[in-house]
């Protein structure tokens, strides 16, 4: 199995931040990074422990894990120059840690405060460090992705033939999302859905039809709401285009399988082509799937997928995405 959704932060990046001289200070006692919009959550030790991670994936028969930055510390609120410096530190540290370990690949942290800088860092990490794409949040300093000046990034990702992984960090709802971990339970999938629909209706995939975008957490509620969005485009004001069928929206994206209920994953398998779904774990956070392959297999059985389709979700589609 290939795990397409996992997070990592290099200890060397934290050590550099602790020494000072970087745009983001790190307090080693509290394990907190200090950003312009406020301190991060404490960095969980498993996020930086590559040896423990290696044992974890081996116990679960995960052949390859693709590491993404932790969006909490990717620095979407930094000014463009500081963001570019910080993301370079994150990416160089990750690359150095993985240089002799074939069990891992990486997606780059990108300085999305500036589209040109994000495109440059994507090209650098792919060309020089062997990264397989980049990861971006659902909003940039309060600006939605379609209004954040990221056109150079879409152009670069399509030209390079690499993946962009959209993963939420800041979420809608404010204080209403604070109880019961709702910022994660509801806020993350709602954010992903909003980002996907805004990109679609902004014409992103018309301009860059070969852009590969992977949505976290099963695409949020996009598979459920795509039909509603298509209907609205035909009957409600405020649309520049009319969508005949929800598949026109759904086939623009790829989806991870992290839905925590095989019945929900079965719905995703019935809504989109199985070839657009990849396995993932969300390691090492509380919402991670402990037995991801079992989760996928149970849903595939319920959806009536073939063995070839199951293999595609567990590794085939990921192999294609990673190899370009």
C-alpha atoms as a PDB file:
ATOM      1  CA  UNK A   1       0.000   0.000   0.000  1.00  0.00           C
ATOM      2  CA  UNK A   2       1.063   3.591  -0.649  1.00  0.00           C
ATOM      3  CA  UNK A   3       0.069   6.137   1.975  1.00  0.00           C
ATOM      4  CA  UNK A   4      -0.629   9.423   0.182  1.00  0.00           C
ATOM      5  CA  UNK A   5      -1.635  11.432   3.246  1.00  0.00           C
ATOM      6  CA  UNK A   6       0.858  11.681   6.086  1.00  0.00           C
ATOM      7  CA  UNK A   7       2.687  14.582   7.723  1.00  0.00           C
ATOM      8  CA  UNK A   8       6.299  15.198   8.729  1.00  0.00           C
ATOM      9  CA  UNK A   9       8.421  18.005  10.139  1.00  0.00           C
ATOM     10  CA  UNK A  10      12.198  17.722  10.108  1.00  0.00           C
ATOM     11  CA  UNK A  11      13.920  18.051  13.496  1.00  0.00           C
ATOM     12  CA  UNK A  12      16.629  20.068  11.749  1.00  0.00           C
ATOM     13  CA  UNK A  13      14.081  22.762  10.812  1.00  0.00           C
ATOM     14  CA  UNK A  14      13.050  23.065  14.455  1.00  0.00           C
ATOM     15  CA  UNK A  15      16.683  23.179  15.559  1.00  0.00           C
ATOM     16  CA  UNK A  16      17.398  25.979  13.086  1.00  0.00           C
ATOM     17  CA  UNK A  17      14.337  27.908  14.248  1.00  0.00           C
ATOM     18  CA  UNK A  18      15.378  27.477  17.889  1.00  0.00           C
ATOM     19  CA  UNK A  19      18.819  28.945  17.180  1.00  0.00           C
ATOM     20  CA  UNK A  20      17.232  32.106  15.794  1.00  0.00           C
ATOM     21  CA  UNK A  21      17.746  34.030  12.600  1.00  0.00           C
ATOM     22  CA  UNK A  22      14.726  32.521  10.842  1.00  0.00           C
ATOM     23  CA  UNK A  23      11.343  34.172  10.234  1.00  0.00           C
ATOM     24  CA  UNK A  24       9.673  31.717  12.640  1.00  0.00           C
ATOM     25  CA  UNK A  25      11.088  31.362  16.174  1.00  0.00           C
ATOM     26  CA  UNK A  26      10.760  28.030  17.997  1.00  0.00           C
ATOM     27  CA  UNK A  27      10.605  27.568  21.753  1.00  0.00           C
ATOM     28  CA  UNK A  28      12.017  24.139  22.541  1.00  0.00           C
ATOM     29  CA  UNK A  29      10.418  23.966  25.974  1.00  0.00           C
ATOM     30  CA  UNK A  30       6.847  24.584  24.856  1.00  0.00           C
ATOM     31  CA  UNK A  31       7.500  23.106  21.372  1.00  0.00           C
ATOM     32  CA  UNK A  32       5.624  26.064  19.889  1.00  0.00           C
ATOM     33  CA  UNK A  33       6.470  27.984  16.713  1.00  0.00           C
ATOM     34  CA  UNK A  34       5.604  31.686  16.673  1.00  0.00           C
ATOM     35  CA  UNK A  35       3.830  32.993  13.550  1.00  0.00           C
ATOM     36  CA  UNK A  36       2.454  36.481  12.818  1.00  0.00           C
ATOM     37  CA  UNK A  37      -1.121  35.314  13.384  1.00  0.00           C
ATOM     38  CA  UNK A  38      -0.208  33.607  16.658  1.00  0.00           C
ATOM     39  CA  UNK A  39       1.636  30.604  18.084  1.00  0.00           C
ATOM     40  CA  UNK A  40       1.246  27.155  16.621  1.00  0.00           C
ATOM     41  CA  UNK A  41      -0.059  24.215  18.524  1.00  0.00           C
ATOM     42  CA  UNK A  42       2.778  22.372  20.268  1.00  0.00           C
ATOM     43  CA  UNK A  43       4.659  20.250  17.745  1.00  0.00           C
ATOM     44  CA  UNK A  44       3.808  16.616  18.583  1.00  0.00           C
ATOM     45  CA  UNK A  45       6.967  14.511  18.980  1.00  0.00           C
ATOM     46  CA  UNK A  46       5.789  11.745  16.580  1.00  0.00           C
ATOM     47  CA  UNK A  47       5.672  14.344  13.791  1.00  0.00           C
ATOM     48  CA  UNK A  48       9.467  14.588  13.843  1.00  0.00           C
ATOM     49  CA  UNK A  49      10.362  10.961  14.682  1.00  0.00           C
ATOM     50  CA  UNK A  50      11.319   9.186  11.467  1.00  0.00           C
ATOM     51  CA  UNK A  51      12.471   5.995  13.207  1.00  0.00           C
ATOM     52  CA  UNK A  52       9.142   5.459  14.999  1.00  0.00           C
ATOM     53  CA  UNK A  53       7.313   6.259  11.772  1.00  0.00           C
ATOM     54  CA  UNK A  54       9.330   3.623   9.935  1.00  0.00           C
ATOM     55  CA  UNK A  55       8.346   0.986  12.486  1.00  0.00           C
ATOM     56  CA  UNK A  56       4.706   2.071  12.273  1.00  0.00           C
ATOM     57  CA  UNK A  57       4.433   1.734   8.501  1.00  0.00           C
ATOM     58  CA  UNK A  58       6.302  -1.586   8.525  1.00  0.00           C
ATOM     59  CA  UNK A  59       3.816  -3.037  11.022  1.00  0.00           C
ATOM     60  CA  UNK A  60       0.965  -2.031   8.709  1.00  0.00           C
ATOM     61  CA  UNK A  61       2.510  -3.283   5.457  1.00  0.00           C
ATOM     62  CA  UNK A  62       2.736   0.222   4.048  1.00  0.00           C
ATOM     63  CA  UNK A  63       5.343   0.066   1.295  1.00  0.00           C
ATOM     64  CA  UNK A  64       5.686   3.806   0.724  1.00  0.00           C
ATOM     65  CA  UNK A  65       4.556   6.874   2.650  1.00  0.00           C
ATOM     66  CA  UNK A  66       4.316  10.305   1.032  1.00  0.00           C
ATOM     67  CA  UNK A  67       5.149  13.028   3.536  1.00  0.00           C
ATOM     68  CA  UNK A  68       3.429  16.391   3.479  1.00  0.00           C
ATOM     69  CA  UNK A  69       4.206  19.425   5.616  1.00  0.00           C
ATOM     70  CA  UNK A  70       2.061  20.057   8.672  1.00  0.00           C
ATOM     71  CA  UNK A  71      -0.126  22.897   7.459  1.00  0.00           C
ATOM     72  CA  UNK A  72      -0.184  24.507  10.903  1.00  0.00           C
ATOM     73  CA  UNK A  73       3.453  25.498  10.412  1.00  0.00           C
ATOM     74  CA  UNK A  74       3.674  26.017   6.646  1.00  0.00           C
ATOM     75  CA  UNK A  75       3.507  29.793   7.110  1.00  0.00           C
ATOM     76  CA  UNK A  76       0.635  31.049   4.976  1.00  0.00           C
ATOM     77  CA  UNK A  77       0.549  34.219   7.129  1.00  0.00           C
ATOM     78  CA  UNK A  78       4.217  35.147   6.575  1.00  0.00           C
ATOM     79  CA  UNK A  79       5.174  37.928   4.194  1.00  0.00           C
ATOM     80  CA  UNK A  80       6.350  36.614   0.807  1.00  0.00           C
ATOM     81  CA  UNK A  81      10.106  36.841   1.452  1.00  0.00           C
ATOM     82  CA  UNK A  82       9.846  35.277   4.897  1.00  0.00           C
ATOM     83  CA  UNK A  83       7.539  32.553   3.594  1.00  0.00           C
ATOM     84  CA  UNK A  84      10.003  31.623   0.858  1.00  0.00           C
ATOM     85  CA  UNK A  85      12.876  31.414   3.356  1.00  0.00           C
ATOM     86  CA  UNK A  86      10.841  29.353   5.829  1.00  0.00           C
ATOM     87  CA  UNK A  87       9.526  26.875   3.260  1.00  0.00           C
ATOM     88  CA  UNK A  88      13.024  26.350   1.917  1.00  0.00           C
ATOM     89  CA  UNK A  89      14.177  25.429   5.443  1.00  0.00           C
ATOM     90  CA  UNK A  90      11.279  22.992   5.850  1.00  0.00           C
ATOM     91  CA  UNK A  91      11.880  21.369   2.479  1.00  0.00           C
ATOM     92  CA  UNK A  92      15.653  21.144   2.688  1.00  0.00           C
ATOM     93  CA  UNK A  93      15.410  19.561   6.137  1.00  0.00           C
ATOM     94  CA  UNK A  94      12.894  16.996   4.930  1.00  0.00           C
ATOM     95  CA  UNK A  95      14.966  16.168   1.859  1.00  0.00           C
ATOM     96  CA  UNK A  96      18.113  15.646   3.924  1.00  0.00           C
ATOM     97  CA  UNK A  97      16.273  13.297   6.292  1.00  0.00           C
ATOM     98  CA  UNK A  98      14.929  11.148   3.451  1.00  0.00           C
ATOM     99  CA  UNK A  99      17.958  11.053   1.191  1.00  0.00           C
ATOM    100  CA  UNK A 100      18.811   7.405   1.896  1.00  0.00           C
ATOM    101  CA  UNK A 101      15.343   6.067   2.791  1.00  0.00           C
ATOM    102  CA  UNK A 102      13.367   4.551  -0.087  1.00  0.00           C
ATOM    103  CA  UNK A 103      10.249   4.079   2.060  1.00  0.00           C
ATOM    104  CA  UNK A 104       9.351   7.759   1.835  1.00  0.00           C
ATOM    105  CA  UNK A 105       8.654  10.449  -0.733  1.00  0.00           C
ATOM    106  CA  UNK A 106       7.800  14.086  -0.065  1.00  0.00           C
ATOM    107  CA  UNK A 107       5.509  16.910  -1.098  1.00  0.00           C
ATOM    108  CA  UNK A 108       6.889  20.412  -0.656  1.00  0.00           C
ATOM    109  CA  UNK A 109       5.801  23.181   1.652  1.00  0.00           C
ATOM    110  CA  UNK A 110       5.105  26.112  -0.658  1.00  0.00           C
ATOM    111  CA  UNK A 111       5.266  29.868   0.075  1.00  0.00           C
ATOM    112  CA  UNK A 112       1.720  30.526  -1.065  1.00  0.00           C
ATOM    113  CA  UNK A 113       1.830  34.147   0.106  1.00  0.00           C
ATOM    114  CA  UNK A 114       3.167  34.801  -3.410  1.00  0.00           C
ATOM    115  CA  UNK A 115       2.240  32.723  -6.458  1.00  0.00           C
ATOM    116  CA  UNK A 116       5.546  33.288  -8.251  1.00  0.00           C
ATOM    117  CA  UNK A 117       7.523  32.250  -5.174  1.00  0.00           C
ATOM    118  CA  UNK A 118       5.344  29.163  -4.749  1.00  0.00           C
ATOM    119  CA  UNK A 119       5.968  28.191  -8.364  1.00  0.00           C
ATOM    120  CA  UNK A 120       9.729  28.671  -7.934  1.00  0.00           C
ATOM    121  CA  UNK A 121       9.858  26.534  -4.811  1.00  0.00           C
ATOM    122  CA  UNK A 122       7.793  23.806  -6.441  1.00  0.00           C
ATOM    123  CA  UNK A 123      10.156  23.730  -9.421  1.00  0.00           C
ATOM    124  CA  UNK A 124      13.222  23.754  -7.137  1.00  0.00           C
ATOM    125  CA  UNK A 125      12.054  20.941  -4.883  1.00  0.00           C
ATOM    126  CA  UNK A 126      10.934  18.774  -7.788  1.00  0.00           C
ATOM    127  CA  UNK A 127      14.025  19.401  -9.890  1.00  0.00           C
ATOM    128  CA  UNK A 128      16.724  19.463  -7.196  1.00  0.00           C
ATOM    129  CA  UNK A 129      15.297  17.473  -4.265  1.00  0.00           C
ATOM    130  CA  UNK A 130      13.204  14.858  -6.048  1.00  0.00           C
ATOM    131  CA  UNK A 131       9.921  15.889  -4.430  1.00  0.00           C
ATOM    132  CA  UNK A 132       6.741  14.655  -6.098  1.00  0.00           C
ATOM    133  CA  UNK A 133       4.691  17.841  -5.827  1.00  0.00           C
ATOM    134  CA  UNK A 134       3.520  20.279  -3.198  1.00  0.00           C
ATOM    135  CA  UNK A 135       0.942  20.734  -0.469  1.00  0.00           C
ATOM    136  CA  UNK A 136      -1.124  23.883   0.038  1.00  0.00           C
ATOM    137  CA  UNK A 137      -3.806  25.043   2.481  1.00  0.00           C
ATOM    138  CA  UNK A 138      -7.425  25.822   1.567  1.00  0.00           C
ATOM    139  CA  UNK A 139      -6.910  29.543   2.098  1.00  0.00           C
ATOM    140  CA  UNK A 140      -3.964  31.917   2.167  1.00  0.00           C
ATOM    141  CA  UNK A 141      -4.037  34.510   4.913  1.00  0.00           C
ATOM    142  CA  UNK A 142      -7.822  34.667   4.635  1.00  0.00           C
ATOM    143  CA  UNK A 143      -7.869  34.704   0.814  1.00  0.00           C
ATOM    144  CA  UNK A 144      -9.503  31.818  -1.028  1.00  0.00           C
ATOM    145  CA  UNK A 145      -7.284  29.877  -3.410  1.00  0.00           C
ATOM    146  CA  UNK A 146      -8.964  31.243  -6.516  1.00  0.00           C
ATOM    147  CA  UNK A 147      -8.332  34.815  -5.285  1.00  0.00           C
ATOM    148  CA  UNK A 148      -4.815  34.381  -3.880  1.00  0.00           C
ATOM    149  CA  UNK A 149      -2.792  35.035  -7.045  1.00  0.00           C
ATOM    150  CA  UNK A 150      -1.720  31.397  -7.410  1.00  0.00           C
ATOM    151  CA  UNK A 151      -1.989  31.200 -11.188  1.00  0.00           C
ATOM    152  CA  UNK A 152       1.826  30.797 -11.531  1.00  0.00           C
ATOM    153  CA  UNK A 153       1.621  27.787  -9.215  1.00  0.00           C
ATOM    154  CA  UNK A 154      -1.142  26.108 -11.241  1.00  0.00           C
ATOM    155  CA  UNK A 155       0.926  26.732 -14.377  1.00  0.00           C
ATOM    156  CA  UNK A 156       4.074  25.277 -12.826  1.00  0.00           C
ATOM    157  CA  UNK A 157       2.351  22.199 -11.390  1.00  0.00           C
ATOM    158  CA  UNK A 158       0.734  21.369 -14.714  1.00  0.00           C
ATOM    159  CA  UNK A 159       3.949  21.976 -16.642  1.00  0.00           C
ATOM    160  CA  UNK A 160       5.955  19.786 -14.263  1.00  0.00           C
ATOM    161  CA  UNK A 161       3.256  17.099 -14.236  1.00  0.00           C
ATOM    162  CA  UNK A 162       3.243  16.934 -10.440  1.00  0.00           C
ATOM    163  CA  UNK A 163       0.621  16.763  -7.744  1.00  0.00           C
ATOM    164  CA  UNK A 164      -0.809  19.515  -5.571  1.00  0.00           C
ATOM    165  CA  UNK A 165      -2.340  18.260  -2.322  1.00  0.00           C
ATOM    166  CA  UNK A 166      -4.974  20.561  -0.809  1.00  0.00           C
ATOM    167  CA  UNK A 167      -5.128  20.155   2.957  1.00  0.00           C
ATOM    168  CA  UNK A 168      -7.032  22.508   5.289  1.00  0.00           C
ATOM    169  CA  UNK A 169      -5.556  24.391   8.198  1.00  0.00           C
ATOM    170  CA  UNK A 170      -7.554  27.551   8.969  1.00  0.00           C
ATOM    171  CA  UNK A 171     -11.243  26.716   8.936  1.00  0.00           C
ATOM    172  CA  UNK A 172     -14.547  28.527   8.827  1.00  0.00           C
ATOM    173  CA  UNK A 173     -16.862  28.743  11.803  1.00  0.00           C
ATOM    174  CA  UNK A 174     -14.726  30.473  14.414  1.00  0.00           C
ATOM    175  CA  UNK A 175     -15.758  29.799  17.987  1.00  0.00           C
ATOM    176  CA  UNK A 176     -18.666  27.637  16.835  1.00  0.00           C
ATOM    177  CA  UNK A 177     -16.117  24.991  15.813  1.00  0.00           C
ATOM    178  CA  UNK A 178     -14.171  24.930  19.087  1.00  0.00           C
ATOM    179  CA  UNK A 179     -16.157  22.328  21.093  1.00  0.00           C
ATOM    180  CA  UNK A 180     -15.887  18.592  20.451  1.00  0.00           C
ATOM    181  CA  UNK A 181     -12.928  18.865  18.038  1.00  0.00           C
ATOM    182  CA  UNK A 182     -15.400  20.202  15.446  1.00  0.00           C
ATOM    183  CA  UNK A 183     -12.768  22.348  13.780  1.00  0.00           C
ATOM    184  CA  UNK A 184     -11.268  19.061  12.592  1.00  0.00           C
ATOM    185  CA  UNK A 185     -14.399  16.903  12.375  1.00  0.00           C
ATOM    186  CA  UNK A 186     -16.443  19.463  10.403  1.00  0.00           C
ATOM    187  CA  UNK A 187     -14.199  22.415   9.679  1.00  0.00           C
ATOM    188  CA  UNK A 188     -11.555  20.551   7.711  1.00  0.00           C
ATOM    189  CA  UNK A 189     -13.932  18.804   5.277  1.00  0.00           C
ATOM    190  CA  UNK A 190     -16.063  21.951   4.885  1.00  0.00           C
ATOM    191  CA  UNK A 191     -12.936  23.962   4.022  1.00  0.00           C
ATOM    192  CA  UNK A 192     -11.827  21.395   1.458  1.00  0.00           C
ATOM    193  CA  UNK A 193     -15.267  21.455  -0.171  1.00  0.00           C
ATOM    194  CA  UNK A 194     -15.309  25.240  -0.366  1.00  0.00           C
ATOM    195  CA  UNK A 195     -11.795  25.388  -1.829  1.00  0.00           C
ATOM    196  CA  UNK A 196     -12.614  22.764  -4.466  1.00  0.00           C
ATOM    197  CA  UNK A 197     -15.836  24.449  -5.600  1.00  0.00           C
ATOM    198  CA  UNK A 198     -14.240  27.887  -5.748  1.00  0.00           C
ATOM    199  CA  UNK A 199     -11.381  26.563  -7.867  1.00  0.00           C
ATOM    200  CA  UNK A 200     -13.792  24.778 -10.166  1.00  0.00           C
ATOM    201  CA  UNK A 201     -16.178  27.678 -10.740  1.00  0.00           C
ATOM    202  CA  UNK A 202     -13.250  30.088 -11.154  1.00  0.00           C
ATOM    203  CA  UNK A 203     -12.343  28.117 -14.289  1.00  0.00           C
ATOM    204  CA  UNK A 204      -9.053  26.756 -12.930  1.00  0.00           C
ATOM    205  CA  UNK A 205      -9.455  23.393 -14.663  1.00  0.00           C
ATOM    206  CA  UNK A 206     -10.530  24.996 -17.903  1.00  0.00           C
ATOM    207  CA  UNK A 207      -7.279  26.949 -18.027  1.00  0.00           C
ATOM    208  CA  UNK A 208      -5.131  24.091 -16.697  1.00  0.00           C
ATOM    209  CA  UNK A 209      -6.961  20.892 -17.683  1.00  0.00           C
ATOM    210  CA  UNK A 210      -4.064  18.604 -16.760  1.00  0.00           C
ATOM    211  CA  UNK A 211      -3.617  20.018 -13.251  1.00  0.00           C
ATOM    212  CA  UNK A 212      -3.548  17.215 -10.679  1.00  0.00           C
ATOM    213  CA  UNK A 213      -5.205  18.161  -7.401  1.00  0.00           C
ATOM    214  CA  UNK A 214      -5.634  15.726  -4.516  1.00  0.00           C
ATOM    215  CA  UNK A 215      -8.263  16.610  -1.898  1.00  0.00           C
ATOM    216  CA  UNK A 216      -7.803  15.564   1.717  1.00  0.00           C
ATOM    217  CA  UNK A 217     -10.392  13.682   3.779  1.00  0.00           C
ATOM    218  CA  UNK A 218     -12.302  12.157   0.897  1.00  0.00           C
ATOM    219  CA  UNK A 219     -12.899  15.531  -0.696  1.00  0.00           C
ATOM    220  CA  UNK A 220     -14.926  16.687   2.284  1.00  0.00           C
ATOM    221  CA  UNK A 221     -18.580  16.795   1.285  1.00  0.00           C
ATOM    222  CA  UNK A 222     -17.871  17.582  -2.359  1.00  0.00           C
ATOM    223  CA  UNK A 223     -19.049  14.137  -3.578  1.00  0.00           C
ATOM    224  CA  UNK A 224     -22.386  14.757  -1.832  1.00  0.00           C
ATOM    225  CA  UNK A 225     -22.800  18.399  -2.863  1.00  0.00           C
ATOM    226  CA  UNK A 226     -21.516  18.339  -6.452  1.00  0.00           C
ATOM    227  CA  UNK A 227     -25.016  17.611  -7.749  1.00  0.00           C
ATOM    228  CA  UNK A 228     -26.409  20.506  -5.747  1.00  0.00           C
ATOM    229  CA  UNK A 229     -23.704  22.793  -7.137  1.00  0.00           C
ATOM    230  CA  UNK A 230     -24.414  21.655 -10.691  1.00  0.00           C
ATOM    231  CA  UNK A 231     -28.146  22.302 -10.233  1.00  0.00           C
ATOM    232  CA  UNK A 232     -27.457  25.749  -8.791  1.00  0.00           C
ATOM    233  CA  UNK A 233     -25.261  26.623 -11.775  1.00  0.00           C
ATOM    234  CA  UNK A 234     -28.252  26.068 -14.052  1.00  0.00           C
ATOM    235  CA  UNK A 235     -30.979  27.684 -11.975  1.00  0.00           C
ATOM    236  CA  UNK A 236     -29.483  30.222  -9.551  1.00  0.00           C
ATOM    237  CA  UNK A 237     -27.877  33.623 -10.163  1.00  0.00           C
ATOM    238  CA  UNK A 238     -24.177  34.335  -9.834  1.00  0.00           C
ATOM    239  CA  UNK A 239     -22.696  31.667 -12.115  1.00  0.00           C
ATOM    240  CA  UNK A 240     -20.560  32.224 -15.210  1.00  0.00           C
ATOM    241  CA  UNK A 241     -21.004  28.673 -16.411  1.00  0.00           C
ATOM    242  CA  UNK A 242     -23.684  26.005 -16.436  1.00  0.00           C
ATOM    243  CA  UNK A 243     -22.780  22.492 -15.302  1.00  0.00           C
ATOM    244  CA  UNK A 244     -24.819  19.696 -16.859  1.00  0.00           C
ATOM    245  CA  UNK A 245     -23.735  16.893 -14.527  1.00  0.00           C
ATOM    246  CA  UNK A 246     -21.930  16.642 -11.156  1.00  0.00           C
ATOM    247  CA  UNK A 247     -19.286  14.444 -12.770  1.00  0.00           C
ATOM    248  CA  UNK A 248     -17.982  17.561 -14.539  1.00  0.00           C
ATOM    249  CA  UNK A 249     -16.938  18.806 -11.110  1.00  0.00           C
ATOM    250  CA  UNK A 250     -15.951  15.536  -9.473  1.00  0.00           C
ATOM    251  CA  UNK A 251     -13.609  14.342 -12.215  1.00  0.00           C
ATOM    252  CA  UNK A 252     -11.381  17.409 -11.795  1.00  0.00           C
ATOM    253  CA  UNK A 253     -10.014  16.069  -8.510  1.00  0.00           C
ATOM    254  CA  UNK A 254      -8.412  13.099  -6.797  1.00  0.00           C
ATOM    255  CA  UNK A 255      -9.525  12.020  -3.322  1.00  0.00           C
ATOM    256  CA  UNK A 256      -7.892  10.318  -0.384  1.00  0.00           C
ATOM    257  CA  UNK A 257      -9.783   7.520   1.372  1.00  0.00           C
ATOM    258  CA  UNK A 258      -9.668   8.928   4.903  1.00  0.00           C
ATOM    259  CA  UNK A 259     -13.364   8.861   5.841  1.00  0.00           C
ATOM    260  CA  UNK A 260     -13.276   6.732   9.021  1.00  0.00           C
ATOM    261  CA  UNK A 261     -16.390   4.736   8.078  1.00  0.00           C
ATOM    262  CA  UNK A 262     -16.299   2.181   5.259  1.00  0.00           C
ATOM    263  CA  UNK A 263     -19.899   3.074   4.423  1.00  0.00           C
ATOM    264  CA  UNK A 264     -18.879   6.675   3.760  1.00  0.00           C
ATOM    265  CA  UNK A 265     -15.939   5.503   1.663  1.00  0.00           C
ATOM    266  CA  UNK A 266     -18.342   3.274  -0.287  1.00  0.00           C
ATOM    267  CA  UNK A 267     -20.366   6.377  -1.138  1.00  0.00           C
ATOM    268  CA  UNK A 268     -17.199   8.034  -2.440  1.00  0.00           C
ATOM    269  CA  UNK A 269     -16.373   4.939  -4.496  1.00  0.00           C
ATOM    270  CA  UNK A 270     -19.841   5.081  -6.034  1.00  0.00           C
ATOM    271  CA  UNK A 271     -19.664   8.837  -6.687  1.00  0.00           C
ATOM    272  CA  UNK A 272     -16.273   9.059  -8.420  1.00  0.00           C
ATOM    273  CA  UNK A 273     -14.146   6.794 -10.533  1.00  0.00           C
ATOM    274  CA  UNK A 274     -12.214   4.440  -8.224  1.00  0.00           C
ATOM    275  CA  UNK A 275      -9.115   5.395 -10.214  1.00  0.00           C
ATOM    276  CA  UNK A 276      -9.384   8.849  -8.606  1.00  0.00           C
ATOM    277  CA  UNK A 277      -9.123   7.542  -5.031  1.00  0.00           C
ATOM    278  CA  UNK A 278      -5.891   6.880  -3.118  1.00  0.00           C
ATOM    279  CA  UNK A 279      -5.186   5.407   0.312  1.00  0.00           C
ATOM    280  CA  UNK A 280      -3.970   7.489   3.229  1.00  0.00           C
ATOM    281  CA  UNK A 281      -3.513   7.503   6.989  1.00  0.00           C
ATOM    282  CA  UNK A 282      -3.141  11.116   8.273  1.00  0.00           C
ATOM    283  CA  UNK A 283      -0.232   9.875  10.421  1.00  0.00           C
ATOM    284  CA  UNK A 284       0.639  10.861  13.161  1.00  0.00           C
ATOM    285  CA  UNK A 285      -2.448  12.792  14.273  1.00  0.00           C
ATOM    286  CA  UNK A 286      -5.512  11.757  16.332  1.00  0.00           C
ATOM    287  CA  UNK A 287      -7.625  11.354  13.189  1.00  0.00           C
ATOM    288  CA  UNK A 288      -5.215   8.890  11.615  1.00  0.00           C
ATOM    289  CA  UNK A 289      -6.406   5.514  10.352  1.00  0.00           C
ATOM    290  CA  UNK A 290      -4.637   2.697  12.151  1.00  0.00           C
ATOM    291  CA  UNK A 291      -5.464  -0.016   9.584  1.00  0.00           C
ATOM    292  CA  UNK A 292      -5.900   1.888   6.325  1.00  0.00           C
ATOM    293  CA  UNK A 293      -5.771  -1.095   3.957  1.00  0.00           C
ATOM    294  CA  UNK A 294      -8.533  -2.864   5.886  1.00  0.00           C
ATOM    295  CA  UNK A 295     -10.633   0.307   5.714  1.00  0.00           C
ATOM    296  CA  UNK A 296     -10.264   0.433   1.931  1.00  0.00           C
ATOM    297  CA  UNK A 297     -10.882  -3.287   1.429  1.00  0.00           C
ATOM    298  CA  UNK A 298     -14.083  -3.284   3.475  1.00  0.00           C
ATOM    299  CA  UNK A 299     -15.464  -0.339   1.514  1.00  0.00           C
ATOM    300  CA  UNK A 300     -14.386  -1.872  -1.803  1.00  0.00           C
ATOM    301  CA  UNK A 301     -16.259  -5.067  -0.948  1.00  0.00           C
ATOM    302  CA  UNK A 302     -19.381  -3.067  -0.143  1.00  0.00           C
ATOM    303  CA  UNK A 303     -19.043  -1.090  -3.387  1.00  0.00           C
ATOM    304  CA  UNK A 304     -18.508  -4.232  -5.463  1.00  0.00           C
ATOM    305  CA  UNK A 305     -15.140  -3.128  -6.824  1.00  0.00           C
ATOM    306  CA  UNK A 306     -12.911  -5.520  -8.707  1.00  0.00           C
ATOM    307  CA  UNK A 307      -9.506  -6.629  -7.461  1.00  0.00           C
ATOM    308  CA  UNK A 308      -7.883  -4.383 -10.067  1.00  0.00           C
ATOM    309  CA  UNK A 309      -9.871  -1.399  -8.834  1.00  0.00           C
ATOM    310  CA  UNK A 310      -8.941  -2.199  -5.239  1.00  0.00           C
ATOM    311  CA  UNK A 311      -5.271  -2.432  -6.170  1.00  0.00           C
ATOM    312  CA  UNK A 312      -5.578   0.901  -7.935  1.00  0.00           C
ATOM    313  CA  UNK A 313      -6.775   2.581  -4.751  1.00  0.00           C
ATOM    314  CA  UNK A 314      -4.168   0.924  -2.566  1.00  0.00           C
ATOM    315  CA  UNK A 315      -1.212   1.654  -4.823  1.00  0.00           C
ATOM    316  CA  UNK A 316      -1.827   1.883  -8.586  1.00  0.00           C
ATOM    317  CA  UNK A 317      -3.199   5.419  -8.831  1.00  0.00           C
ATOM    318  CA  UNK A 318      -0.611   6.672  -6.342  1.00  0.00           C
ATOM    319  CA  UNK A 319       2.201   5.138  -8.388  1.00  0.00           C
ATOM    320  CA  UNK A 320       0.926   6.942 -11.476  1.00  0.00           C
ATOM    321  CA  UNK A 321       0.639  10.257  -9.636  1.00  0.00           C
ATOM    322  CA  UNK A 322       4.092  10.002  -8.100  1.00  0.00           C
ATOM    323  CA  UNK A 323       5.841   8.929 -11.278  1.00  0.00           C
ATOM    324  CA  UNK A 324       4.257  11.590 -13.477  1.00  0.00           C
END
